[in-house]
Amino acid sequence: MPSRTEDRERELQEWVKKSKRPVALFIDDAHALKDDTLTGLKRLMEVIESDGGCLSVVLAGWPKRRNDLRRPKLEEIGMRTDTFSLDGITGSQRE
């Protein structure tokens, strides 16, 4: 991957365009991401979409991130998200 941000974006844009399929980016430990990173991901999704591609970002992390997305600083990003709670084994654990 190129070291310059613009070159990386352009290369990713071309890759998504060539694949002619929606692309999903999965990020684990998303609660540790900085706010600027979330803003950058939103911008990247918009750049890919403007070229006719589709990029979805799936953030997996603690419930803290959901609370962060409700703050005024991240409200625009929070309005574009769907939040799912994966409680998993809650209620079915053994003592």
PDB file of N, CA and C in Angstrom:
ATOM      1  N   MET A   1       0.839  -1.178   0.000  1.00  0.00           N
ATOM      2  CA  MET A   1       0.000   0.000   0.000  1.00  0.00           C
ATOM      3  C   MET A   1       0.891   1.251   0.000  1.00  0.00           C
ATOM      4  N   PRO A   2       0.460   2.260  -0.724  1.00  0.00           N
ATOM      5  CA  PRO A   2       1.221   3.517  -0.746  1.00  0.00           C
ATOM      6  C   PRO A   2       1.254   4.165   0.636  1.00  0.00           C
ATOM      7  N   SER A   3       2.267   4.971   0.884  1.00  0.00           N
ATOM      8  CA  SER A   3       2.401   5.609   2.191  1.00  0.00           C
ATOM      9  C   SER A   3       1.578   6.892   2.300  1.00  0.00           C
ATOM     10  N   ARG A   4       1.335   7.561   1.191  1.00  0.00           N
ATOM     11  CA  ARG A   4       0.550   8.802   1.234  1.00  0.00           C
ATOM     12  C   ARG A   4      -0.946   8.487   1.303  1.00  0.00           C
ATOM     13  N   THR A   5      -1.662   9.236   2.140  1.00  0.00           N
ATOM     14  CA  THR A   5      -3.087   9.010   2.354  1.00  0.00           C
ATOM     15  C   THR A   5      -3.883   9.085   1.060  1.00  0.00           C
ATOM     16  N   GLU A   6      -3.623  10.105   0.257  1.00  0.00           N
ATOM     17  CA  GLU A   6      -4.386  10.283  -0.988  1.00  0.00           C
ATOM     18  C   GLU A   6      -4.178   9.104  -1.931  1.00  0.00           C
ATOM     19  N   ASP A   7      -2.947   8.611  -1.998  1.00  0.00           N
ATOM     20  CA  ASP A   7      -2.652   7.472  -2.868  1.00  0.00           C
ATOM     21  C   ASP A   7      -3.343   6.203  -2.376  1.00  0.00           C
ATOM     22  N   ARG A   8      -3.359   6.023  -1.050  1.00  0.00           N
ATOM     23  CA  ARG A   8      -4.045   4.856  -0.486  1.00  0.00           C
ATOM     24  C   ARG A   8      -5.531   4.908  -0.802  1.00  0.00           C
ATOM     25  N   GLU A   9      -6.145   6.079  -0.630  1.00  0.00           N
ATOM     26  CA  GLU A   9      -7.574   6.234  -0.929  1.00  0.00           C
ATOM     27  C   GLU A   9      -7.858   5.924  -2.389  1.00  0.00           C
ATOM     28  N   ARG A  10      -7.023   6.453  -3.276  1.00  0.00           N
ATOM     29  CA  ARG A  10      -7.203   6.236  -4.709  1.00  0.00           C
ATOM     30  C   ARG A  10      -7.082   4.755  -5.064  1.00  0.00           C
ATOM     31  N   GLU A  11      -6.111   4.087  -4.454  1.00  0.00           N
ATOM     32  CA  GLU A  11      -5.910   2.667  -4.732  1.00  0.00           C
ATOM     33  C   GLU A  11      -7.088   1.838  -4.213  1.00  0.00           C
ATOM     34  N   LEU A  12      -7.565   2.156  -3.023  1.00  0.00           N
ATOM     35  CA  LEU A  12      -8.725   1.458  -2.475  1.00  0.00           C
ATOM     36  C   LEU A  12      -9.952   1.705  -3.334  1.00  0.00           C
ATOM     37  N   GLN A  13     -10.116   2.940  -3.781  1.00  0.00           N
ATOM     38  CA  GLN A  13     -11.233   3.299  -4.648  1.00  0.00           C
ATOM     39  C   GLN A  13     -11.197   2.468  -5.934  1.00  0.00           C
ATOM     40  N   GLU A  14     -10.040   2.339  -6.527  1.00  0.00           N
ATOM     41  CA  GLU A  14      -9.894   1.540  -7.744  1.00  0.00           C
ATOM     42  C   GLU A  14     -10.169   0.070  -7.477  1.00  0.00           C
ATOM     43  N   TRP A  15      -9.692  -0.430  -6.347  1.00  0.00           N
ATOM     44  CA  TRP A  15      -9.892  -1.829  -6.000  1.00  0.00           C
ATOM     45  C   TRP A  15     -11.382  -2.147  -5.839  1.00  0.00           C
ATOM     46  N   VAL A  16     -12.117  -1.273  -5.144  1.00  0.00           N
ATOM     47  CA  VAL A  16     -13.556  -1.474  -4.946  1.00  0.00           C
ATOM     48  C   VAL A  16     -14.284  -1.377  -6.288  1.00  0.00           C
ATOM     49  N   LYS A  17     -13.861  -0.425  -7.110  1.00  0.00           N
ATOM     50  CA  LYS A  17     -14.492  -0.239  -8.421  1.00  0.00           C
ATOM     51  C   LYS A  17     -14.279  -1.481  -9.304  1.00  0.00           C
ATOM     52  N   LYS A  18     -13.068  -2.039  -9.294  1.00  0.00           N
ATOM     53  CA  LYS A  18     -12.773  -3.220 -10.097  1.00  0.00           C
ATOM     54  C   LYS A  18     -13.527  -4.454  -9.610  1.00  0.00           C
ATOM     55  N   SER A  19     -13.695  -4.575  -8.312  1.00  0.00           N
ATOM     56  CA  SER A  19     -14.348  -5.765  -7.755  1.00  0.00           C
ATOM     57  C   SER A  19     -15.841  -5.809  -8.078  1.00  0.00           C
ATOM     58  N   LYS A  20     -16.448  -4.635  -8.304  1.00  0.00           N
ATOM     59  CA  LYS A  20     -17.869  -4.532  -8.625  1.00  0.00           C
ATOM     60  C   LYS A  20     -18.749  -5.223  -7.587  1.00  0.00           C
ATOM     61  N   ARG A  21     -18.285  -5.213  -6.355  1.00  0.00           N
ATOM     62  CA  ARG A  21     -19.024  -5.803  -5.235  1.00  0.00           C
ATOM     63  C   ARG A  21     -18.941  -4.858  -4.040  1.00  0.00           C
ATOM     64  N   PRO A  22     -19.928  -4.929  -3.174  1.00  0.00           N
ATOM     65  CA  PRO A  22     -19.818  -4.163  -1.931  1.00  0.00           C
ATOM     66  C   PRO A  22     -18.661  -4.715  -1.090  1.00  0.00           C
ATOM     67  N   VAL A  23     -17.990  -3.843  -0.371  1.00  0.00           N
ATOM     68  CA  VAL A  23     -16.853  -4.227   0.470  1.00  0.00           C
ATOM     69  C   VAL A  23     -17.184  -3.875   1.912  1.00  0.00           C
ATOM     70  N   ALA A  24     -16.868  -4.797   2.822  1.00  0.00           N
ATOM     71  CA  ALA A  24     -17.077  -4.555   4.253  1.00  0.00           C
ATOM     72  C   ALA A  24     -15.730  -4.556   4.952  1.00  0.00           C
ATOM     73  N   LEU A  25     -15.506  -3.554   5.767  1.00  0.00           N
ATOM     74  CA  LEU A  25     -14.293  -3.428   6.566  1.00  0.00           C
ATOM     75  C   LEU A  25     -14.681  -3.682   8.021  1.00  0.00           C
ATOM     76  N   PHE A  26     -14.121  -4.718   8.634  1.00  0.00           N
ATOM     77  CA  PHE A  26     -14.414  -5.065  10.019  1.00  0.00           C
ATOM     78  C   PHE A  26     -13.281  -4.563  10.914  1.00  0.00           C
ATOM     79  N   ILE A  27     -13.654  -3.849  11.979  1.00  0.00           N
ATOM     80  CA  ILE A  27     -12.667  -3.309  12.913  1.00  0.00           C
ATOM     81  C   ILE A  27     -13.016  -3.800  14.313  1.00  0.00           C
ATOM     82  N   ASP A  28     -12.121  -4.590  14.882  1.00  0.00           N
ATOM     83  CA  ASP A  28     -12.294  -5.079  16.248  1.00  0.00           C
ATOM     84  C   ASP A  28     -11.706  -4.050  17.216  1.00  0.00           C
ATOM     85  N   ASP A  29     -12.139  -4.071  18.454  1.00  0.00           N
ATOM     86  CA  ASP A  29     -11.706  -3.120  19.484  1.00  0.00           C
ATOM     87  C   ASP A  29     -11.977  -1.679  19.056  1.00  0.00           C
ATOM     88  N   ALA A  30     -13.111  -1.459  18.436  1.00  0.00           N
ATOM     89  CA  ALA A  30     -13.456  -0.131  17.914  1.00  0.00           C
ATOM     90  C   ALA A  30     -13.633   0.900  19.027  1.00  0.00           C
ATOM     91  N   HIS A  31     -13.829   0.451  20.252  1.00  0.00           N
ATOM     92  CA  HIS A  31     -13.958   1.402  21.360  1.00  0.00           C
ATOM     93  C   HIS A  31     -12.654   2.171  21.579  1.00  0.00           C
ATOM     94  N   ALA A  32     -11.546   1.642  21.063  1.00  0.00           N
ATOM     95  CA  ALA A  32     -10.251   2.292  21.238  1.00  0.00           C
ATOM     96  C   ALA A  32      -9.910   3.276  20.117  1.00  0.00           C
ATOM     97  N   LEU A  33     -10.767   3.367  19.102  1.00  0.00           N
ATOM     98  CA  LEU A  33     -10.500   4.285  17.990  1.00  0.00           C
ATOM     99  C   LEU A  33     -10.653   5.737  18.435  1.00  0.00           C
ATOM    100  N   LYS A  34      -9.834   6.591  17.897  1.00  0.00           N
ATOM    101  CA  LYS A  34      -9.947   8.028  18.170  1.00  0.00           C
ATOM    102  C   LYS A  34     -11.080   8.607  17.312  1.00  0.00           C
ATOM    103  N   ASP A  35     -11.649   9.698  17.769  1.00  0.00           N
ATOM    104  CA  ASP A  35     -12.751  10.340  17.060  1.00  0.00           C
ATOM    105  C   ASP A  35     -12.353  10.736  15.641  1.00  0.00           C
ATOM    106  N   ASP A  36     -11.118  11.192  15.475  1.00  0.00           N
ATOM    107  CA  ASP A  36     -10.647  11.585  14.139  1.00  0.00           C
ATOM    108  C   ASP A  36     -10.624  10.392  13.183  1.00  0.00           C
ATOM    109  N   THR A  37     -10.350   9.222  13.713  1.00  0.00           N
ATOM    110  CA  THR A  37     -10.349   8.015  12.885  1.00  0.00           C
ATOM    111  C   THR A  37     -11.748   7.709  12.387  1.00  0.00           C
ATOM    112  N   LEU A  38     -12.740   7.863  13.251  1.00  0.00           N
ATOM    113  CA  LEU A  38     -14.127   7.650  12.835  1.00  0.00           C
ATOM    114  C   LEU A  38     -14.532   8.640  11.747  1.00  0.00           C
ATOM    115  N   THR A  39     -14.113   9.877  11.908  1.00  0.00           N
ATOM    116  CA  THR A  39     -14.403  10.891  10.897  1.00  0.00           C
ATOM    117  C   THR A  39     -13.719  10.527   9.582  1.00  0.00           C
ATOM    118  N   GLY A  40     -12.499  10.038   9.655  1.00  0.00           N
ATOM    119  CA  GLY A  40     -11.783   9.608   8.459  1.00  0.00           C
ATOM    120  C   GLY A  40     -12.456   8.428   7.772  1.00  0.00           C
ATOM    121  N   LEU A  41     -12.979   7.492   8.551  1.00  0.00           N
ATOM    122  CA  LEU A  41     -13.693   6.353   7.972  1.00  0.00           C
ATOM    123  C   LEU A  41     -14.967   6.805   7.259  1.00  0.00           C
ATOM    124  N   LYS A  42     -15.660   7.768   7.870  1.00  0.00           N
ATOM    125  CA  LYS A  42     -16.872   8.307   7.235  1.00  0.00           C
ATOM    126  C   LYS A  42     -16.522   8.958   5.907  1.00  0.00           C
ATOM    127  N   ARG A  43     -15.448   9.715   5.901  1.00  0.00           N
ATOM    128  CA  ARG A  43     -14.999  10.378   4.673  1.00  0.00           C
ATOM    129  C   ARG A  43     -14.612   9.351   3.611  1.00  0.00           C
ATOM    130  N   LEU A  44     -13.917   8.299   4.030  1.00  0.00           N
ATOM    131  CA  LEU A  44     -13.520   7.248   3.095  1.00  0.00           C
ATOM    132  C   LEU A  44     -14.740   6.572   2.479  1.00  0.00           C
ATOM    133  N   MET A  45     -15.758   6.321   3.280  1.00  0.00           N
ATOM    134  CA  MET A  45     -16.999   5.729   2.753  1.00  0.00           C
ATOM    135  C   MET A  45     -17.626   6.648   1.717  1.00  0.00           C
ATOM    136  N   GLU A  46     -17.617   7.948   1.981  1.00  0.00           N
ATOM    137  CA  GLU A  46     -18.196   8.914   1.050  1.00  0.00           C
ATOM    138  C   GLU A  46     -17.407   8.965  -0.256  1.00  0.00           C
ATOM    139  N   VAL A  47     -16.075   8.899  -0.167  1.00  0.00           N
ATOM    140  CA  VAL A  47     -15.225   8.924  -1.366  1.00  0.00           C
ATOM    141  C   VAL A  47     -15.501   7.694  -2.229  1.00  0.00           C
ATOM    142  N   ILE A  48     -15.582   6.530  -1.597  1.00  0.00           N
ATOM    143  CA  ILE A  48     -15.853   5.282  -2.333  1.00  0.00           C
ATOM    144  C   ILE A  48     -17.236   5.353  -2.976  1.00  0.00           C
ATOM    145  N   GLU A  49     -18.222   5.857  -2.229  1.00  0.00           N
ATOM    146  CA  GLU A  49     -19.587   5.947  -2.741  1.00  0.00           C
ATOM    147  C   GLU A  49     -19.693   6.923  -3.902  1.00  0.00           C
ATOM    148  N   SER A  50     -18.929   8.011  -3.853  1.00  0.00           N
ATOM    149  CA  SER A  50     -18.992   9.009  -4.925  1.00  0.00           C
ATOM    150  C   SER A  50     -18.493   8.452  -6.257  1.00  0.00           C
ATOM    151  N   ASP A  51     -17.699   7.383  -6.184  1.00  0.00           N
ATOM    152  CA  ASP A  51     -17.171   6.755  -7.394  1.00  0.00           C
ATOM    153  C   ASP A  51     -18.002   5.540  -7.803  1.00  0.00           C
ATOM    154  N   GLY A  52     -19.155   5.357  -7.158  1.00  0.00           N
ATOM    155  CA  GLY A  52     -20.046   4.262  -7.517  1.00  0.00           C
ATOM    156  C   GLY A  52     -19.798   2.975  -6.756  1.00  0.00           C
ATOM    157  N   GLY A  53     -18.910   2.985  -5.778  1.00  0.00           N
ATOM    158  CA  GLY A  53     -18.639   1.792  -4.989  1.00  0.00           C
ATOM    159  C   GLY A  53     -19.446   1.783  -3.710  1.00  0.00           C
ATOM    160  N   CYS A  54     -19.288   0.714  -2.959  1.00  0.00           N
ATOM    161  CA  CYS A  54     -20.001   0.591  -1.684  1.00  0.00           C
ATOM    162  C   CYS A  54     -19.043   0.045  -0.634  1.00  0.00           C
ATOM    163  N   LEU A  55     -18.780   0.820   0.405  1.00  0.00           N
ATOM    164  CA  LEU A  55     -17.927   0.404   1.511  1.00  0.00           C
ATOM    165  C   LEU A  55     -18.731   0.521   2.795  1.00  0.00           C
ATOM    166  N   SER A  56     -18.839  -0.589   3.504  1.00  0.00           N
ATOM    167  CA  SER A  56     -19.496  -0.599   4.815  1.00  0.00           C
ATOM    168  C   SER A  56     -18.442  -0.862   5.872  1.00  0.00           C
ATOM    169  N   VAL A  57     -18.575  -0.209   6.996  1.00  0.00           N
ATOM    170  CA  VAL A  57     -17.625  -0.386   8.091  1.00  0.00           C
ATOM    171  C   VAL A  57     -18.377  -0.979   9.275  1.00  0.00           C
ATOM    172  N   VAL A  58     -17.871  -2.101   9.789  1.00  0.00           N
ATOM    173  CA  VAL A  58     -18.466  -2.772  10.942  1.00  0.00           C
ATOM    174  C   VAL A  58     -17.511  -2.598  12.110  1.00  0.00           C
ATOM    175  N   LEU A  59     -17.987  -1.909  13.141  1.00  0.00           N
ATOM    176  CA  LEU A  59     -17.176  -1.657  14.331  1.00  0.00           C
ATOM    177  C   LEU A  59     -17.622  -2.593  15.445  1.00  0.00           C
ATOM    178  N   ALA A  60     -16.700  -3.348  15.991  1.00  0.00           N
ATOM    179  CA  ALA A  60     -16.997  -4.235  17.111  1.00  0.00           C
ATOM    180  C   ALA A  60     -16.215  -3.740  18.323  1.00  0.00           C
ATOM    181  N   GLY A  61     -16.928  -3.539  19.418  1.00  0.00           N
ATOM    182  CA  GLY A  61     -16.250  -3.043  20.606  1.00  0.00           C
ATOM    183  C   GLY A  61     -17.199  -2.965  21.785  1.00  0.00           C
ATOM    184  N   TRP A  62     -16.746  -2.357  22.826  1.00  0.00           N
ATOM    185  CA  TRP A  62     -17.523  -2.209  24.044  1.00  0.00           C
ATOM    186  C   TRP A  62     -18.664  -1.213  23.836  1.00  0.00           C
ATOM    187  N   PRO A  63     -19.678  -1.268  24.711  1.00  0.00           N
ATOM    188  CA  PRO A  63     -20.806  -0.329  24.609  1.00  0.00           C
ATOM    189  C   PRO A  63     -20.399   1.141  24.725  1.00  0.00           C
ATOM    190  N   LYS A  64     -19.186   1.401  25.208  1.00  0.00           N
ATOM    191  CA  LYS A  64     -18.692   2.778  25.323  1.00  0.00           C
ATOM    192  C   LYS A  64     -18.809   3.519  23.991  1.00  0.00           C
ATOM    193  N   ARG A  65     -18.511   2.844  22.894  1.00  0.00           N
ATOM    194  CA  ARG A  65     -18.547   3.488  21.573  1.00  0.00           C
ATOM    195  C   ARG A  65     -19.958   3.977  21.246  1.00  0.00           C
ATOM    196  N   ARG A  66     -20.968   3.206  21.598  1.00  0.00           N
ATOM    197  CA  ARG A  66     -22.351   3.618  21.345  1.00  0.00           C
ATOM    198  C   ARG A  66     -22.646   4.933  22.068  1.00  0.00           C
ATOM    199  N   ASN A  67     -22.180   5.051  23.297  1.00  0.00           N
ATOM    200  CA  ASN A  67     -22.377   6.285  24.062  1.00  0.00           C
ATOM    201  C   ASN A  67     -21.621   7.449  23.425  1.00  0.00           C
ATOM    202  N   ASP A  68     -20.416   7.172  22.929  1.00  0.00           N
ATOM    203  CA  ASP A  68     -19.619   8.216  22.282  1.00  0.00           C
ATOM    204  C   ASP A  68     -20.327   8.761  21.048  1.00  0.00           C
ATOM    205  N   LEU A  69     -20.980   7.888  20.302  1.00  0.00           N
ATOM    206  CA  LEU A  69     -21.650   8.306  19.061  1.00  0.00           C
ATOM    207  C   LEU A  69     -22.874   9.176  19.320  1.00  0.00           C
ATOM    208  N   ARG A  70     -23.304   9.256  20.558  1.00  0.00           N
ATOM    209  CA  ARG A  70     -24.434  10.121  20.915  1.00  0.00           C
ATOM    210  C   ARG A  70     -23.993  11.535  21.278  1.00  0.00           C
ATOM    211  N   ARG A  71     -22.688  11.717  21.499  1.00  0.00           N
ATOM    212  CA  ARG A  71     -22.176  13.042  21.856  1.00  0.00           C
ATOM    213  C   ARG A  71     -22.268  13.984  20.664  1.00  0.00           C
ATOM    214  N   PRO A  72     -22.444  15.283  20.904  1.00  0.00           N
ATOM    215  CA  PRO A  72     -22.578  16.241  19.801  1.00  0.00           C
ATOM    216  C   PRO A  72     -21.435  16.202  18.795  1.00  0.00           C
ATOM    217  N   LYS A  73     -20.208  15.943  19.252  1.00  0.00           N
ATOM    218  CA  LYS A  73     -19.054  15.943  18.352  1.00  0.00           C
ATOM    219  C   LYS A  73     -19.161  14.837  17.297  1.00  0.00           C
ATOM    220  N   LEU A  74     -19.756  13.712  17.666  1.00  0.00           N
ATOM    221  CA  LEU A  74     -19.866  12.569  16.746  1.00  0.00           C
ATOM    222  C   LEU A  74     -21.300  12.308  16.308  1.00  0.00           C
ATOM    223  N   GLU A  75     -22.160  13.269  16.520  1.00  0.00           N
ATOM    224  CA  GLU A  75     -23.582  13.089  16.226  1.00  0.00           C
ATOM    225  C   GLU A  75     -23.827  12.748  14.752  1.00  0.00           C
ATOM    226  N   GLU A  76     -23.108  13.399  13.846  1.00  0.00           N
ATOM    227  CA  GLU A  76     -23.296  13.151  12.416  1.00  0.00           C
ATOM    228  C   GLU A  76     -22.966  11.698  12.063  1.00  0.00           C
ATOM    229  N   ILE A  77     -21.918  11.175  12.655  1.00  0.00           N
ATOM    230  CA  ILE A  77     -21.551   9.779  12.416  1.00  0.00           C
ATOM    231  C   ILE A  77     -22.549   8.859  13.105  1.00  0.00           C
ATOM    232  N   GLY A  78     -22.938   9.200  14.315  1.00  0.00           N
ATOM    233  CA  GLY A  78     -23.893   8.387  15.067  1.00  0.00           C
ATOM    234  C   GLY A  78     -25.229   8.236  14.370  1.00  0.00           C
ATOM    235  N   MET A  79     -25.645   9.275  13.648  1.00  0.00           N
ATOM    236  CA  MET A  79     -26.922   9.213  12.931  1.00  0.00           C
ATOM    237  C   MET A  79     -26.849   8.261  11.734  1.00  0.00           C
ATOM    238  N   ARG A  80     -25.648   7.959  11.274  1.00  0.00           N
ATOM    239  CA  ARG A  80     -25.468   7.078  10.120  1.00  0.00           C
ATOM    240  C   ARG A  80     -25.180   5.639  10.522  1.00  0.00           C
ATOM    241  N   THR A  81     -25.284   5.346  11.805  1.00  0.00           N
ATOM    242  CA  THR A  81     -24.931   4.006  12.273  1.00  0.00           C
ATOM    243  C   THR A  81     -26.160   3.235  12.741  1.00  0.00           C
ATOM    244  N   ASP A  82     -26.053   1.930  12.647  1.00  0.00           N
ATOM    245  CA  ASP A  82     -27.012   1.018  13.252  1.00  0.00           C
ATOM    246  C   ASP A  82     -26.257   0.282  14.341  1.00  0.00           C
ATOM    247  N   THR A  83     -26.822   0.237  15.537  1.00  0.00           N
ATOM    248  CA  THR A  83     -26.151  -0.383  16.668  1.00  0.00           C
ATOM    249  C   THR A  83     -26.842  -1.687  17.020  1.00  0.00           C
ATOM    250  N   PHE A  84     -26.046  -2.725  17.197  1.00  0.00           N
ATOM    251  CA  PHE A  84     -26.558  -4.031  17.581  1.00  0.00           C
ATOM    252  C   PHE A  84     -25.840  -4.478  18.841  1.00  0.00           C
ATOM    253  N   SER A  85     -26.594  -5.039  19.756  1.00  0.00           N
ATOM    254  CA  SER A  85     -26.009  -5.565  20.983  1.00  0.00           C
ATOM    255  C   SER A  85     -25.948  -7.082  20.861  1.00  0.00           C
ATOM    256  N   LEU A  86     -24.761  -7.613  20.995  1.00  0.00           N
ATOM    257  CA  LEU A  86     -24.567  -9.056  20.905  1.00  0.00           C
ATOM    258  C   LEU A  86     -24.255  -9.579  22.301  1.00  0.00           C
ATOM    259  N   ASP A  87     -25.301  -9.842  23.041  1.00  0.00           N
ATOM    260  CA  ASP A  87     -25.125 -10.283  24.421  1.00  0.00           C
ATOM    261  C   ASP A  87     -24.634 -11.718  24.515  1.00  0.00           C
ATOM    262  N   GLY A  88     -24.763 -12.456  23.449  1.00  0.00           N
ATOM    263  CA  GLY A  88     -24.193 -13.797  23.391  1.00  0.00           C
ATOM    264  C   GLY A  88     -24.694 -14.748  24.440  1.00  0.00           C
ATOM    265  N   ILE A  89     -23.858 -15.080  25.401  1.00  0.00           N
ATOM    266  CA  ILE A  89     -24.197 -16.111  26.378  1.00  0.00           C
ATOM    267  C   ILE A  89     -24.897 -15.574  27.617  1.00  0.00           C
ATOM    268  N   THR A  90     -25.243 -14.311  27.634  1.00  0.00           N
ATOM    269  CA  THR A  90     -25.887 -13.734  28.811  1.00  0.00           C
ATOM    270  C   THR A  90     -27.153 -14.524  29.143  1.00  0.00           C
ATOM    271  N   GLY A  91     -27.231 -14.982  30.355  1.00  0.00           N
ATOM    272  CA  GLY A  91     -28.394 -15.742  30.799  1.00  0.00           C
ATOM    273  C   GLY A  91     -28.238 -17.243  30.639  1.00  0.00           C
ATOM    274  N   SER A  92     -27.236 -17.690  29.932  1.00  0.00           N
ATOM    275  CA  SER A  92     -27.069 -19.134  29.752  1.00  0.00           C
ATOM    276  C   SER A  92     -25.748 -19.638  30.340  1.00  0.00           C
ATOM    277  N   GLN A  93     -25.134 -18.845  31.195  1.00  0.00           N
ATOM    278  CA  GLN A  93     -23.894 -19.268  31.828  1.00  0.00           C
ATOM    279  C   GLN A  93     -24.215 -20.226  32.993  1.00  0.00           C
ATOM    280  N   ARG A  94     -23.241 -21.081  33.271  1.00  0.00           N
ATOM    281  CA  ARG A  94     -23.361 -21.960  34.439  1.00  0.00           C
ATOM    282  C   ARG A  94     -22.755 -21.250  35.638  1.00  0.00           C
ATOM    283  N   GLU A  95     -23.236 -21.617  36.814  1.00  0.00           N
ATOM    284  CA  GLU A  95     -22.663 -21.020  38.029  1.00  0.00           C
ATOM    285  C   GLU A  95     -21.310 -21.609  38.304  1.00  0.00           C
TER     286      GLU A  95
END
